[in-house]
């Protein structure tokens, strides 16, 4: 049976550590993301919580 997907997805990540111009982010579901600092808000430090929202940009897709 296929998994039902949502149009929008949000998840919180906690900054675990910062090293080599990357932040190591940890979710409550124990997934890990390494994200370049240049893509994140300034002045991050371990313990900060970031909310990520992912959704398709249907308008931009139609313009292609």
C-alpha atoms as a PDB file:
ATOM      1  CA  UNK A   1       0.000   0.000   0.000  1.00  0.00           C
ATOM      2  CA  UNK A   2       1.550   3.375  -0.978  1.00  0.00           C
ATOM      3  CA  UNK A   3       2.372   5.912   1.686  1.00  0.00           C
ATOM      4  CA  UNK A   4       0.133   8.970   1.662  1.00  0.00           C
ATOM      5  CA  UNK A   5       2.207  12.125   1.202  1.00  0.00           C
ATOM      6  CA  UNK A   6       1.321  15.553   2.444  1.00  0.00           C
ATOM      7  CA  UNK A   7       1.549  18.699   0.347  1.00  0.00           C
ATOM      8  CA  UNK A   8       3.542  20.428   3.073  1.00  0.00           C
ATOM      9  CA  UNK A   9       5.932  19.033   5.651  1.00  0.00           C
ATOM     10  CA  UNK A  10       7.425  20.735   8.704  1.00  0.00           C
ATOM     11  CA  UNK A  11      10.087  19.430  11.049  1.00  0.00           C
ATOM     12  CA  UNK A  12      12.171  20.970  13.814  1.00  0.00           C
ATOM     13  CA  UNK A  13      15.919  20.454  14.001  1.00  0.00           C
ATOM     14  CA  UNK A  14      18.222  21.272  16.897  1.00  0.00           C
ATOM     15  CA  UNK A  15      21.708  22.573  16.161  1.00  0.00           C
ATOM     16  CA  UNK A  16      23.963  19.871  17.579  1.00  0.00           C
ATOM     17  CA  UNK A  17      27.343  21.322  16.676  1.00  0.00           C
ATOM     18  CA  UNK A  18      29.007  23.627  14.195  1.00  0.00           C
ATOM     19  CA  UNK A  19      32.163  22.515  12.407  1.00  0.00           C
ATOM     20  CA  UNK A  20      33.928  23.211   9.107  1.00  0.00           C
ATOM     21  CA  UNK A  21      31.369  25.892   8.108  1.00  0.00           C
ATOM     22  CA  UNK A  22      28.534  23.396   8.518  1.00  0.00           C
ATOM     23  CA  UNK A  23      25.859  22.941  11.153  1.00  0.00           C
ATOM     24  CA  UNK A  24      24.997  19.419  12.239  1.00  0.00           C
ATOM     25  CA  UNK A  25      21.241  19.393  12.797  1.00  0.00           C
ATOM     26  CA  UNK A  26      19.352  16.705  14.726  1.00  0.00           C
ATOM     27  CA  UNK A  27      15.614  16.014  14.487  1.00  0.00           C
ATOM     28  CA  UNK A  28      13.399  14.543  17.178  1.00  0.00           C
ATOM     29  CA  UNK A  29      13.143  11.467  14.911  1.00  0.00           C
ATOM     30  CA  UNK A  30      16.953  11.091  15.118  1.00  0.00           C
ATOM     31  CA  UNK A  31      17.701  12.090  11.542  1.00  0.00           C
ATOM     32  CA  UNK A  32      20.828  14.154  10.916  1.00  0.00           C
ATOM     33  CA  UNK A  33      21.382  16.947   8.392  1.00  0.00           C
ATOM     34  CA  UNK A  34      24.667  18.656   7.597  1.00  0.00           C
ATOM     35  CA  UNK A  35      23.830  22.118   6.276  1.00  0.00           C
ATOM     36  CA  UNK A  36      26.266  24.826   5.121  1.00  0.00           C
ATOM     37  CA  UNK A  37      26.171  27.796   7.495  1.00  0.00           C
ATOM     38  CA  UNK A  38      25.668  30.169   4.553  1.00  0.00           C
ATOM     39  CA  UNK A  39      22.145  28.706   4.116  1.00  0.00           C
ATOM     40  CA  UNK A  40      21.145  29.222   7.753  1.00  0.00           C
ATOM     41  CA  UNK A  41      20.390  32.257   9.944  1.00  0.00           C
ATOM     42  CA  UNK A  42      23.397  34.123  11.352  1.00  0.00           C
ATOM     43  CA  UNK A  43      24.673  33.700  14.916  1.00  0.00           C
ATOM     44  CA  UNK A  44      23.584  30.075  15.301  1.00  0.00           C
ATOM     45  CA  UNK A  45      24.870  28.148  18.260  1.00  0.00           C
ATOM     46  CA  UNK A  46      24.396  24.623  19.592  1.00  0.00           C
ATOM     47  CA  UNK A  47      20.970  24.191  21.145  1.00  0.00           C
ATOM     48  CA  UNK A  48      19.169  26.579  18.781  1.00  0.00           C
ATOM     49  CA  UNK A  49      16.033  25.104  17.202  1.00  0.00           C
ATOM     50  CA  UNK A  50      15.261  25.603  13.507  1.00  0.00           C
ATOM     51  CA  UNK A  51      11.937  24.900  11.802  1.00  0.00           C
ATOM     52  CA  UNK A  52      12.124  23.583   8.237  1.00  0.00           C
ATOM     53  CA  UNK A  53       9.137  23.608   5.920  1.00  0.00           C
ATOM     54  CA  UNK A  54       9.240  21.727   2.629  1.00  0.00           C
ATOM     55  CA  UNK A  55       6.658  22.111  -0.091  1.00  0.00           C
ATOM     56  CA  UNK A  56       6.594  21.993  -3.863  1.00  0.00           C
ATOM     57  CA  UNK A  57       6.658  25.298  -5.686  1.00  0.00           C
ATOM     58  CA  UNK A  58       3.933  24.494  -8.218  1.00  0.00           C
ATOM     59  CA  UNK A  59       3.807  28.043  -9.553  1.00  0.00           C
ATOM     60  CA  UNK A  60       7.501  28.015 -10.452  1.00  0.00           C
ATOM     61  CA  UNK A  61       7.153  24.536 -11.976  1.00  0.00           C
ATOM     62  CA  UNK A  62       4.368  25.785 -14.250  1.00  0.00           C
ATOM     63  CA  UNK A  63       6.569  28.665 -15.443  1.00  0.00           C
ATOM     64  CA  UNK A  64       9.227  26.287 -16.738  1.00  0.00           C
END
